[in-house]
N, C-alpha and C. Protein backbone atom coordinates (compact mmCIF):
# COMPACT_ATOMS: atom_id res chain seq x y z
N MET A 1 69.21 -2.28 113.70
CA MET A 1 69.51 -2.02 115.10
C MET A 1 68.84 -3.08 115.96
N TRP A 2 69.61 -3.63 116.90
CA TRP A 2 69.11 -4.59 117.87
C TRP A 2 69.06 -3.91 119.23
N LEU A 3 68.21 -4.43 120.10
CA LEU A 3 67.97 -3.77 121.37
C LEU A 3 67.88 -4.77 122.51
N VAL A 4 68.55 -4.44 123.61
CA VAL A 4 68.40 -5.19 124.86
C VAL A 4 67.91 -4.19 125.90
N VAL A 5 66.71 -4.42 126.43
CA VAL A 5 66.11 -3.55 127.44
C VAL A 5 66.27 -4.21 128.80
N GLY A 6 66.89 -3.51 129.74
CA GLY A 6 67.02 -4.02 131.10
C GLY A 6 66.04 -3.31 132.01
N LEU A 7 65.10 -4.05 132.58
CA LEU A 7 64.10 -3.44 133.45
C LEU A 7 64.71 -3.10 134.80
N GLY A 8 64.34 -1.94 135.32
CA GLY A 8 64.84 -1.51 136.62
C GLY A 8 64.28 -0.14 136.97
N ASN A 9 64.59 0.30 138.17
CA ASN A 9 64.15 1.61 138.65
C ASN A 9 65.34 2.56 138.73
N PRO A 10 65.15 3.82 138.37
CA PRO A 10 66.25 4.79 138.44
C PRO A 10 66.52 5.25 139.87
N GLY A 11 67.72 5.72 140.11
CA GLY A 11 68.06 6.33 141.39
C GLY A 11 68.84 5.40 142.30
N GLU A 12 69.64 6.02 143.17
CA GLU A 12 70.49 5.28 144.10
C GLU A 12 69.68 4.40 145.05
N ARG A 13 68.49 4.86 145.40
CA ARG A 13 67.64 4.12 146.32
C ARG A 13 67.39 2.68 145.84
N TYR A 14 67.33 2.49 144.52
CA TYR A 14 66.97 1.19 143.96
C TYR A 14 68.15 0.43 143.34
N ALA A 15 69.31 1.02 143.31
CA ALA A 15 70.44 0.47 142.55
C ALA A 15 70.76 -0.98 142.91
N ALA A 16 70.74 -1.32 144.19
CA ALA A 16 71.15 -2.65 144.62
C ALA A 16 69.97 -3.59 144.88
N THR A 17 68.77 -3.21 144.45
CA THR A 17 67.59 -4.02 144.74
C THR A 17 67.43 -5.17 143.75
N ARG A 18 66.58 -6.12 144.14
CA ARG A 18 66.30 -7.27 143.28
C ARG A 18 65.68 -6.83 141.95
N HIS A 19 64.84 -5.81 141.99
CA HIS A 19 64.19 -5.32 140.77
C HIS A 19 65.21 -4.82 139.74
N ASN A 20 66.41 -4.48 140.18
CA ASN A 20 67.40 -3.90 139.28
C ASN A 20 68.48 -4.88 138.84
N VAL A 21 68.25 -6.16 139.01
CA VAL A 21 69.27 -7.14 138.63
C VAL A 21 69.55 -7.06 137.12
N ALA A 22 68.55 -6.71 136.32
CA ALA A 22 68.76 -6.60 134.88
C ALA A 22 69.75 -5.49 134.53
N TRP A 23 69.80 -4.42 135.32
CA TRP A 23 70.76 -3.36 135.06
C TRP A 23 72.18 -3.85 135.29
N ARG A 24 72.35 -4.76 136.24
CA ARG A 24 73.66 -5.35 136.45
C ARG A 24 74.08 -6.16 135.22
N VAL A 25 73.13 -6.85 134.60
CA VAL A 25 73.41 -7.60 133.37
C VAL A 25 73.84 -6.63 132.26
N LEU A 26 73.11 -5.52 132.11
CA LEU A 26 73.47 -4.53 131.09
C LEU A 26 74.85 -3.95 131.34
N ASP A 27 75.17 -3.66 132.60
CA ASP A 27 76.49 -3.10 132.92
C ASP A 27 77.60 -4.08 132.54
N LEU A 28 77.39 -5.36 132.80
CA LEU A 28 78.41 -6.36 132.45
C LEU A 28 78.55 -6.46 130.93
N LEU A 29 77.44 -6.45 130.21
CA LEU A 29 77.50 -6.49 128.74
C LEU A 29 78.20 -5.26 128.18
N ALA A 30 77.89 -4.08 128.74
CA ALA A 30 78.52 -2.85 128.28
C ALA A 30 80.04 -2.93 128.46
N GLU A 31 80.45 -3.51 129.58
CA GLU A 31 81.89 -3.66 129.83
C GLU A 31 82.51 -4.65 128.86
N ARG A 32 81.89 -5.79 128.66
CA ARG A 32 82.41 -6.81 127.75
C ARG A 32 82.48 -6.31 126.31
N TRP A 33 81.45 -5.59 125.91
CA TRP A 33 81.34 -5.17 124.52
C TRP A 33 81.91 -3.78 124.26
N HIS A 34 82.48 -3.16 125.27
CA HIS A 34 83.04 -1.81 125.15
C HIS A 34 82.01 -0.84 124.56
N ALA A 35 80.81 -0.89 125.11
CA ALA A 35 79.71 -0.06 124.62
C ALA A 35 79.98 1.41 124.92
N ALA A 36 79.60 2.26 123.98
CA ALA A 36 79.77 3.71 124.12
C ALA A 36 78.43 4.35 124.43
N PRO A 37 78.43 5.49 125.13
CA PRO A 37 77.17 6.19 125.37
C PRO A 37 76.47 6.53 124.05
N ALA A 38 75.16 6.40 124.05
CA ALA A 38 74.36 6.72 122.86
C ALA A 38 73.27 7.70 123.29
N GLU A 39 72.06 7.53 122.75
CA GLU A 39 70.98 8.47 123.08
C GLU A 39 70.66 8.47 124.57
N ARG A 40 70.26 9.65 125.03
CA ARG A 40 69.73 9.79 126.39
C ARG A 40 68.60 10.81 126.32
N THR A 41 67.45 10.41 126.85
CA THR A 41 66.29 11.30 126.89
C THR A 41 65.82 11.35 128.35
N GLN A 42 64.68 11.96 128.56
CA GLN A 42 64.13 11.98 129.92
C GLN A 42 63.64 10.62 130.38
N VAL A 43 63.39 9.70 129.43
CA VAL A 43 62.81 8.41 129.81
C VAL A 43 63.71 7.20 129.57
N PHE A 44 64.87 7.37 128.92
CA PHE A 44 65.79 6.25 128.78
C PHE A 44 67.21 6.76 128.55
N SER A 45 68.16 5.87 128.85
CA SER A 45 69.54 6.10 128.45
C SER A 45 70.03 4.82 127.77
N ALA A 46 70.85 4.99 126.76
CA ALA A 46 71.31 3.83 125.99
C ALA A 46 72.82 3.88 125.80
N ARG A 47 73.40 2.70 125.75
CA ARG A 47 74.79 2.53 125.34
C ARG A 47 74.78 1.65 124.09
N ARG A 48 75.74 1.86 123.21
CA ARG A 48 75.73 1.18 121.91
C ARG A 48 77.03 0.42 121.70
N ALA A 49 76.88 -0.77 121.13
CA ALA A 49 78.04 -1.61 120.83
C ALA A 49 77.84 -2.28 119.48
N ASN A 50 78.95 -2.69 118.88
CA ASN A 50 78.89 -3.51 117.68
C ASN A 50 79.32 -4.90 118.07
N VAL A 51 78.41 -5.86 117.90
CA VAL A 51 78.67 -7.24 118.32
C VAL A 51 78.39 -8.16 117.14
N ALA A 52 79.41 -8.86 116.69
CA ALA A 52 79.27 -9.81 115.59
C ALA A 52 78.60 -9.15 114.38
N GLY A 53 79.00 -7.90 114.09
CA GLY A 53 78.47 -7.18 112.95
C GLY A 53 77.09 -6.59 113.13
N ARG A 54 76.57 -6.65 114.36
CA ARG A 54 75.25 -6.09 114.64
C ARG A 54 75.39 -4.90 115.57
N GLU A 55 74.67 -3.83 115.26
CA GLU A 55 74.63 -2.66 116.14
C GLU A 55 73.57 -2.93 117.21
N VAL A 56 73.99 -2.86 118.46
CA VAL A 56 73.12 -3.23 119.58
C VAL A 56 73.05 -2.08 120.57
N ASP A 57 71.84 -1.70 120.95
CA ASP A 57 71.64 -0.74 122.03
C ASP A 57 71.33 -1.49 123.32
N LEU A 58 71.98 -1.08 124.40
CA LEU A 58 71.68 -1.56 125.74
C LEU A 58 70.93 -0.42 126.41
N MET A 59 69.64 -0.60 126.64
CA MET A 59 68.79 0.51 127.08
C MET A 59 68.28 0.32 128.50
N ARG A 60 68.49 1.39 129.30
CA ARG A 60 67.93 1.46 130.65
C ARG A 60 66.75 2.41 130.62
N PRO A 61 65.55 1.93 130.90
CA PRO A 61 64.44 2.86 131.07
C PRO A 61 64.68 3.72 132.31
N LEU A 62 64.39 4.99 132.22
CA LEU A 62 64.51 5.89 133.36
C LEU A 62 63.15 6.18 133.98
N THR A 63 62.16 5.46 133.50
CA THR A 63 60.85 5.45 134.14
C THR A 63 60.93 4.39 135.25
N TYR A 64 59.92 4.25 136.02
CA TYR A 64 59.89 3.13 136.95
C TYR A 64 59.47 1.88 136.20
N VAL A 65 59.74 0.72 136.79
CA VAL A 65 59.52 -0.55 136.11
C VAL A 65 58.13 -0.64 135.49
N ASN A 66 57.10 -0.23 136.23
CA ASN A 66 55.73 -0.38 135.75
C ASN A 66 55.42 0.46 134.51
N ARG A 67 56.31 1.43 134.20
CA ARG A 67 56.09 2.30 133.03
C ARG A 67 57.20 2.13 131.99
N THR A 68 57.79 0.95 131.94
CA THR A 68 58.89 0.69 131.03
C THR A 68 58.49 0.89 129.56
N GLY A 69 57.25 0.64 129.25
CA GLY A 69 56.80 0.80 127.87
C GLY A 69 56.98 2.20 127.33
N GLU A 70 56.91 3.21 128.20
CA GLU A 70 57.13 4.59 127.76
C GLU A 70 58.54 4.77 127.20
N ALA A 71 59.51 4.11 127.84
CA ALA A 71 60.89 4.20 127.38
C ALA A 71 61.05 3.51 126.02
N LEU A 72 60.40 2.36 125.86
CA LEU A 72 60.47 1.67 124.57
C LEU A 72 59.85 2.51 123.46
N THR A 73 58.71 3.12 123.73
CA THR A 73 58.06 3.97 122.74
C THR A 73 58.97 5.12 122.32
N GLU A 74 59.62 5.76 123.30
CA GLU A 74 60.52 6.87 123.01
C GLU A 74 61.75 6.39 122.24
N TRP A 75 62.30 5.23 122.60
CA TRP A 75 63.46 4.69 121.89
C TRP A 75 63.10 4.45 120.43
N MET A 76 61.93 3.86 120.17
CA MET A 76 61.51 3.60 118.78
C MET A 76 61.31 4.90 118.02
N ARG A 77 60.81 5.92 118.71
CA ARG A 77 60.64 7.22 118.07
C ARG A 77 62.00 7.81 117.69
N GLU A 78 62.95 7.72 118.60
CA GLU A 78 64.30 8.24 118.33
C GLU A 78 64.99 7.47 117.20
N ARG A 79 64.76 6.16 117.14
CA ARG A 79 65.45 5.31 116.16
C ARG A 79 64.67 5.18 114.86
N GLY A 80 63.45 5.69 114.81
CA GLY A 80 62.68 5.66 113.57
C GLY A 80 61.94 4.36 113.32
N GLY A 81 61.70 3.59 114.35
CA GLY A 81 60.92 2.36 114.17
C GLY A 81 61.34 1.29 115.15
N PRO A 82 60.66 0.15 115.08
CA PRO A 82 60.98 -0.94 116.01
C PRO A 82 62.34 -1.56 115.69
N PRO A 83 62.96 -2.20 116.67
CA PRO A 83 64.24 -2.85 116.43
C PRO A 83 64.08 -4.09 115.56
N GLU A 84 65.16 -4.48 114.91
CA GLU A 84 65.14 -5.70 114.09
C GLU A 84 64.90 -6.92 114.99
N GLY A 85 65.55 -6.90 116.13
CA GLY A 85 65.36 -7.95 117.12
C GLY A 85 65.56 -7.34 118.49
N TRP A 86 64.78 -7.79 119.47
CA TRP A 86 64.98 -7.21 120.79
C TRP A 86 64.64 -8.18 121.89
N LEU A 87 65.25 -7.91 123.03
CA LEU A 87 65.17 -8.78 124.18
C LEU A 87 64.95 -7.94 125.42
N ALA A 88 64.03 -8.36 126.27
CA ALA A 88 63.81 -7.72 127.56
C ALA A 88 64.44 -8.60 128.65
N VAL A 89 65.23 -7.99 129.53
CA VAL A 89 65.83 -8.69 130.66
C VAL A 89 65.12 -8.19 131.92
N ALA A 90 64.63 -9.13 132.73
CA ALA A 90 63.84 -8.75 133.90
C ALA A 90 64.12 -9.69 135.07
N ASP A 91 63.86 -9.19 136.27
CA ASP A 91 63.92 -10.02 137.47
C ASP A 91 62.71 -10.94 137.49
N ASP A 92 62.84 -12.07 138.20
CA ASP A 92 61.72 -13.00 138.31
C ASP A 92 61.68 -13.60 139.72
N VAL A 93 60.61 -13.32 140.44
CA VAL A 93 60.48 -13.83 141.81
C VAL A 93 60.07 -15.29 141.84
N TRP A 94 59.68 -15.86 140.72
CA TRP A 94 59.27 -17.26 140.67
C TRP A 94 60.45 -18.17 140.37
N LEU A 95 61.60 -17.60 140.07
CA LEU A 95 62.80 -18.41 139.83
C LEU A 95 63.77 -18.24 141.00
N PRO A 96 64.43 -19.31 141.39
CA PRO A 96 65.41 -19.19 142.47
C PRO A 96 66.64 -18.41 142.01
N ILE A 97 67.35 -17.86 142.95
CA ILE A 97 68.59 -17.17 142.63
C ILE A 97 69.56 -18.16 142.00
N GLY A 98 70.20 -17.74 140.93
CA GLY A 98 71.13 -18.61 140.21
C GLY A 98 70.54 -19.19 138.95
N MET A 99 69.24 -18.99 138.72
CA MET A 99 68.59 -19.55 137.54
C MET A 99 68.20 -18.44 136.58
N VAL A 100 68.39 -18.68 135.30
CA VAL A 100 67.93 -17.76 134.26
C VAL A 100 67.04 -18.54 133.30
N ARG A 101 66.10 -17.85 132.69
CA ARG A 101 65.20 -18.51 131.75
C ARG A 101 64.97 -17.62 130.53
N MET A 102 65.37 -18.12 129.37
CA MET A 102 65.17 -17.44 128.09
C MET A 102 63.90 -17.98 127.44
N ARG A 103 63.13 -17.08 126.84
CA ARG A 103 61.97 -17.46 126.04
C ARG A 103 61.94 -16.57 124.79
N PRO A 104 61.62 -17.15 123.62
CA PRO A 104 61.56 -16.34 122.41
C PRO A 104 60.33 -15.43 122.36
N THR A 105 59.31 -15.75 123.16
CA THR A 105 58.09 -14.96 123.26
C THR A 105 57.38 -15.43 124.52
N GLY A 106 56.25 -14.85 124.84
CA GLY A 106 55.54 -15.33 126.02
C GLY A 106 54.68 -14.26 126.63
N SER A 107 54.23 -14.54 127.86
CA SER A 107 53.38 -13.58 128.55
C SER A 107 54.20 -12.84 129.60
N SER A 108 53.58 -11.85 130.18
CA SER A 108 54.26 -11.08 131.22
C SER A 108 54.42 -11.88 132.49
N GLY A 109 53.60 -12.89 132.68
CA GLY A 109 53.66 -13.70 133.89
C GLY A 109 53.41 -12.90 135.15
N GLY A 110 52.67 -11.80 135.03
CA GLY A 110 52.39 -10.96 136.18
C GLY A 110 53.42 -9.87 136.43
N HIS A 111 54.50 -9.84 135.63
CA HIS A 111 55.53 -8.79 135.78
C HIS A 111 55.03 -7.52 135.11
N ARG A 112 54.82 -6.48 135.89
CA ARG A 112 54.20 -5.26 135.34
C ARG A 112 55.10 -4.56 134.33
N GLY A 113 56.41 -4.68 134.48
CA GLY A 113 57.31 -4.08 133.51
C GLY A 113 57.19 -4.75 132.15
N LEU A 114 57.13 -6.08 132.14
CA LEU A 114 56.95 -6.81 130.87
C LEU A 114 55.57 -6.50 130.28
N ALA A 115 54.55 -6.39 131.12
CA ALA A 115 53.21 -6.04 130.63
C ALA A 115 53.22 -4.66 129.99
N SER A 116 53.96 -3.71 130.56
CA SER A 116 54.08 -2.37 130.01
C SER A 116 54.77 -2.40 128.64
N LEU A 117 55.80 -3.23 128.51
CA LEU A 117 56.48 -3.38 127.22
C LEU A 117 55.54 -3.98 126.17
N GLU A 118 54.79 -4.99 126.57
CA GLU A 118 53.84 -5.62 125.64
C GLU A 118 52.81 -4.61 125.15
N ALA A 119 52.31 -3.77 126.06
CA ALA A 119 51.31 -2.76 125.68
C ALA A 119 51.91 -1.74 124.72
N ALA A 120 53.14 -1.32 124.98
CA ALA A 120 53.78 -0.32 124.12
C ALA A 120 54.11 -0.89 122.75
N PHE A 121 54.54 -2.16 122.71
CA PHE A 121 54.93 -2.80 121.46
C PHE A 121 53.72 -3.28 120.68
N GLY A 122 52.60 -3.45 121.40
CA GLY A 122 51.39 -3.94 120.75
C GLY A 122 51.40 -5.44 120.52
N SER A 123 52.32 -6.14 121.21
CA SER A 123 52.46 -7.57 121.01
C SER A 123 53.34 -8.14 122.12
N ALA A 124 53.16 -9.43 122.39
CA ALA A 124 54.06 -10.13 123.32
C ALA A 124 55.14 -10.87 122.55
N ASP A 125 55.25 -10.59 121.26
CA ASP A 125 56.17 -11.31 120.38
C ASP A 125 57.57 -10.70 120.42
N PHE A 126 58.22 -10.83 121.56
CA PHE A 126 59.62 -10.44 121.70
C PHE A 126 60.26 -11.36 122.72
N ALA A 127 61.57 -11.52 122.60
CA ALA A 127 62.28 -12.42 123.50
C ALA A 127 62.40 -11.80 124.89
N ARG A 128 62.47 -12.67 125.89
CA ARG A 128 62.63 -12.20 127.26
C ARG A 128 63.56 -13.15 128.00
N LEU A 129 64.37 -12.56 128.86
CA LEU A 129 65.28 -13.32 129.70
C LEU A 129 64.97 -12.96 131.14
N ARG A 130 64.57 -13.95 131.91
CA ARG A 130 64.23 -13.73 133.31
C ARG A 130 65.39 -14.19 134.18
N VAL A 131 65.71 -13.38 135.18
CA VAL A 131 66.80 -13.68 136.10
C VAL A 131 66.20 -13.90 137.48
N GLY A 132 66.40 -15.08 138.04
CA GLY A 132 65.81 -15.42 139.32
C GLY A 132 66.33 -14.55 140.45
N VAL A 133 65.40 -14.02 141.25
CA VAL A 133 65.78 -13.22 142.42
C VAL A 133 65.21 -13.82 143.71
N GLY A 134 64.64 -15.02 143.60
CA GLY A 134 64.11 -15.69 144.79
C GLY A 134 62.71 -15.22 145.13
N ALA A 135 61.99 -16.08 145.81
CA ALA A 135 60.59 -15.82 146.15
C ALA A 135 60.45 -14.96 147.39
N ALA A 136 59.37 -14.21 147.43
CA ALA A 136 59.00 -13.46 148.63
C ALA A 136 58.39 -14.43 149.64
N ALA A 137 58.43 -14.05 150.90
CA ALA A 137 57.85 -14.90 151.95
C ALA A 137 56.35 -15.07 151.76
N SER A 138 55.68 -14.07 151.19
CA SER A 138 54.24 -14.14 150.92
C SER A 138 53.90 -13.16 149.81
N GLN A 139 52.71 -13.32 149.25
CA GLN A 139 52.25 -12.41 148.19
C GLN A 139 52.18 -10.97 148.72
N GLU A 140 51.81 -10.82 149.98
CA GLU A 140 51.70 -9.49 150.59
C GLU A 140 53.06 -8.80 150.69
N GLN A 141 54.12 -9.58 150.77
CA GLN A 141 55.47 -9.01 150.93
C GLN A 141 56.21 -8.89 149.60
N LEU A 142 55.53 -9.14 148.49
CA LEU A 142 56.19 -9.15 147.19
C LEU A 142 56.82 -7.80 146.84
N LYS A 143 56.07 -6.71 147.04
CA LYS A 143 56.59 -5.38 146.69
C LYS A 143 57.84 -5.06 147.51
N GLU A 144 57.80 -5.31 148.81
CA GLU A 144 58.96 -5.05 149.66
C GLU A 144 60.13 -5.94 149.25
N HIS A 145 59.82 -7.18 148.84
CA HIS A 145 60.87 -8.14 148.44
C HIS A 145 61.65 -7.64 147.23
N VAL A 146 60.96 -7.23 146.18
CA VAL A 146 61.67 -6.82 144.96
C VAL A 146 62.37 -5.48 145.13
N LEU A 147 61.94 -4.69 146.10
CA LEU A 147 62.57 -3.39 146.35
C LEU A 147 63.62 -3.45 147.46
N ALA A 148 63.95 -4.67 147.88
CA ALA A 148 64.98 -4.86 148.90
C ALA A 148 66.27 -5.34 148.25
N PRO A 149 67.42 -5.06 148.88
CA PRO A 149 68.68 -5.59 148.36
C PRO A 149 68.79 -7.08 148.65
N PHE A 150 69.71 -7.73 147.96
CA PHE A 150 69.99 -9.13 148.22
C PHE A 150 70.70 -9.26 149.56
N GLY A 151 70.48 -10.38 150.23
CA GLY A 151 71.19 -10.66 151.47
C GLY A 151 72.62 -11.09 151.19
N ASP A 152 73.47 -10.97 152.19
CA ASP A 152 74.89 -11.31 152.01
C ASP A 152 75.07 -12.74 151.51
N ALA A 153 74.27 -13.66 152.01
CA ALA A 153 74.40 -15.06 151.62
C ALA A 153 73.96 -15.31 150.18
N GLU A 154 73.24 -14.36 149.59
CA GLU A 154 72.74 -14.52 148.22
C GLU A 154 73.67 -13.94 147.17
N LEU A 155 74.62 -13.11 147.58
CA LEU A 155 75.39 -12.32 146.62
C LEU A 155 76.21 -13.18 145.66
N GLY A 156 76.81 -14.27 146.14
CA GLY A 156 77.58 -15.13 145.25
C GLY A 156 76.72 -15.71 144.15
N GLY A 157 75.53 -16.18 144.51
CA GLY A 157 74.61 -16.72 143.52
C GLY A 157 74.12 -15.68 142.54
N VAL A 158 73.92 -14.45 143.03
CA VAL A 158 73.49 -13.36 142.16
C VAL A 158 74.58 -13.03 141.15
N ASP A 159 75.82 -12.94 141.61
CA ASP A 159 76.94 -12.64 140.70
C ASP A 159 77.03 -13.70 139.60
N GLU A 160 76.88 -14.97 139.97
CA GLU A 160 76.92 -16.04 138.97
C GLU A 160 75.75 -15.93 138.00
N ALA A 161 74.58 -15.59 138.51
CA ALA A 161 73.40 -15.45 137.66
C ALA A 161 73.57 -14.30 136.67
N VAL A 162 74.16 -13.19 137.12
CA VAL A 162 74.39 -12.05 136.23
C VAL A 162 75.36 -12.44 135.11
N GLU A 163 76.42 -13.16 135.45
CA GLU A 163 77.37 -13.65 134.43
C GLU A 163 76.65 -14.57 133.44
N ARG A 164 75.87 -15.48 133.99
CA ARG A 164 75.14 -16.44 133.14
C ARG A 164 74.13 -15.72 132.25
N ALA A 165 73.45 -14.73 132.80
CA ALA A 165 72.48 -13.97 132.01
C ALA A 165 73.17 -13.21 130.88
N ALA A 166 74.32 -12.60 131.16
CA ALA A 166 75.06 -11.89 130.12
C ALA A 166 75.49 -12.85 129.02
N ASP A 167 75.93 -14.04 129.40
CA ASP A 167 76.28 -15.05 128.40
C ASP A 167 75.07 -15.43 127.56
N ALA A 168 73.90 -15.54 128.21
CA ALA A 168 72.68 -15.89 127.49
C ALA A 168 72.27 -14.81 126.50
N VAL A 169 72.44 -13.53 126.88
CA VAL A 169 72.14 -12.44 125.96
C VAL A 169 73.06 -12.51 124.74
N ALA A 170 74.34 -12.74 124.96
CA ALA A 170 75.29 -12.84 123.85
C ALA A 170 74.93 -14.00 122.93
N CYS A 171 74.51 -15.12 123.51
CA CYS A 171 74.10 -16.28 122.73
C CYS A 171 72.85 -15.97 121.92
N TRP A 172 71.87 -15.32 122.55
CA TRP A 172 70.65 -14.91 121.84
C TRP A 172 71.00 -14.07 120.62
N LEU A 173 71.91 -13.14 120.80
CA LEU A 173 72.26 -12.21 119.73
C LEU A 173 72.96 -12.91 118.57
N THR A 174 73.84 -13.85 118.87
CA THR A 174 74.64 -14.46 117.81
C THR A 174 74.09 -15.80 117.30
N GLU A 175 73.33 -16.51 118.17
CA GLU A 175 72.87 -17.84 117.77
C GLU A 175 71.36 -18.02 117.84
N GLY A 176 70.66 -17.07 118.44
CA GLY A 176 69.21 -17.13 118.48
C GLY A 176 68.65 -17.62 119.81
N ALA A 177 67.37 -17.35 120.02
CA ALA A 177 66.72 -17.64 121.30
C ALA A 177 66.64 -19.13 121.58
N LEU A 178 66.40 -19.96 120.57
CA LEU A 178 66.26 -21.39 120.83
C LEU A 178 67.56 -22.01 121.32
N VAL A 179 68.67 -21.60 120.73
CA VAL A 179 69.97 -22.10 121.19
C VAL A 179 70.23 -21.61 122.61
N ALA A 180 69.92 -20.34 122.87
CA ALA A 180 70.12 -19.79 124.21
C ALA A 180 69.25 -20.53 125.23
N MET A 181 68.01 -20.87 124.87
CA MET A 181 67.14 -21.63 125.77
C MET A 181 67.77 -22.97 126.12
N ASN A 182 68.22 -23.69 125.11
CA ASN A 182 68.78 -25.02 125.34
C ASN A 182 70.06 -24.98 126.17
N ARG A 183 70.81 -23.90 126.03
CA ARG A 183 72.10 -23.81 126.71
C ARG A 183 71.99 -23.26 128.13
N PHE A 184 71.04 -22.35 128.37
CA PHE A 184 71.05 -21.61 129.63
C PHE A 184 69.85 -21.85 130.55
N ASN A 185 68.79 -22.49 130.06
CA ASN A 185 67.62 -22.69 130.90
C ASN A 185 67.77 -23.91 131.81
N ARG A 186 68.85 -23.91 132.57
CA ARG A 186 69.10 -24.96 133.55
C ARG A 186 69.40 -24.30 134.88
N LYS A 187 68.95 -24.93 135.93
CA LYS A 187 69.22 -24.40 137.26
C LYS A 187 70.67 -24.68 137.64
N ILE A 188 71.30 -23.70 138.26
CA ILE A 188 72.63 -23.90 138.79
C ILE A 188 72.48 -24.51 140.17
N VAL A 189 73.06 -25.65 140.37
CA VAL A 189 72.96 -26.32 141.66
C VAL A 189 74.34 -26.28 142.32
N LYS A 190 74.40 -25.71 143.50
CA LYS A 190 75.66 -25.63 144.24
C LYS A 190 75.66 -26.71 145.32
N GLU A 191 76.78 -27.36 145.45
CA GLU A 191 76.92 -28.31 146.55
C GLU A 191 77.15 -27.53 147.84
N VAL A 192 76.46 -27.93 148.88
CA VAL A 192 76.62 -27.29 150.17
C VAL A 192 77.45 -28.19 151.06
N GLN A 193 78.55 -27.69 151.57
CA GLN A 193 79.42 -28.46 152.45
C GLN A 193 78.93 -28.30 153.88
N GLU A 194 78.72 -29.42 154.54
CA GLU A 194 78.34 -29.37 155.93
C GLU A 194 79.57 -29.05 156.78
N PRO A 195 79.44 -28.21 157.82
CA PRO A 195 80.61 -27.88 158.65
C PRO A 195 81.06 -29.09 159.46
């Protein structure tokens, strides 16, 4: 069993926020892969697909981002052990909108959801895909920034980033993290036409 965990917060209040961009990636993958509903507990819901001969769960933690590790622990309990391979998809305020970054392993980089996953797994040895959501105006405004929706002018770039992130997840699954890094860890640069 393979696993893709999308970090986000449950509830309508958070659905369109920057913190939940990973759930948009999972929704697109579920649509592409014709994923079917799978396990659902109080702390996670999963959809399951067969991709290139691999059984893959797309898991949404139903905890808040900072407690994502609880959902991973429960998923492993339900499945009888850790996944063969797994990837965490998360928002990243240090990357501009339109950029994605795959890493085969690494640190949380200050992302509390990734830190929670590392604590639950007992290791930072899992792949992660960060989706740029743009920087906050200041460190003090970081919490409000990630819990705010994208602005109208950002939506086109966000849609492209979600598509690119979904492609990167598919590449990770079929060709591995290093290939996905080489193919997708580039900034998307849009030409701006002057009026």
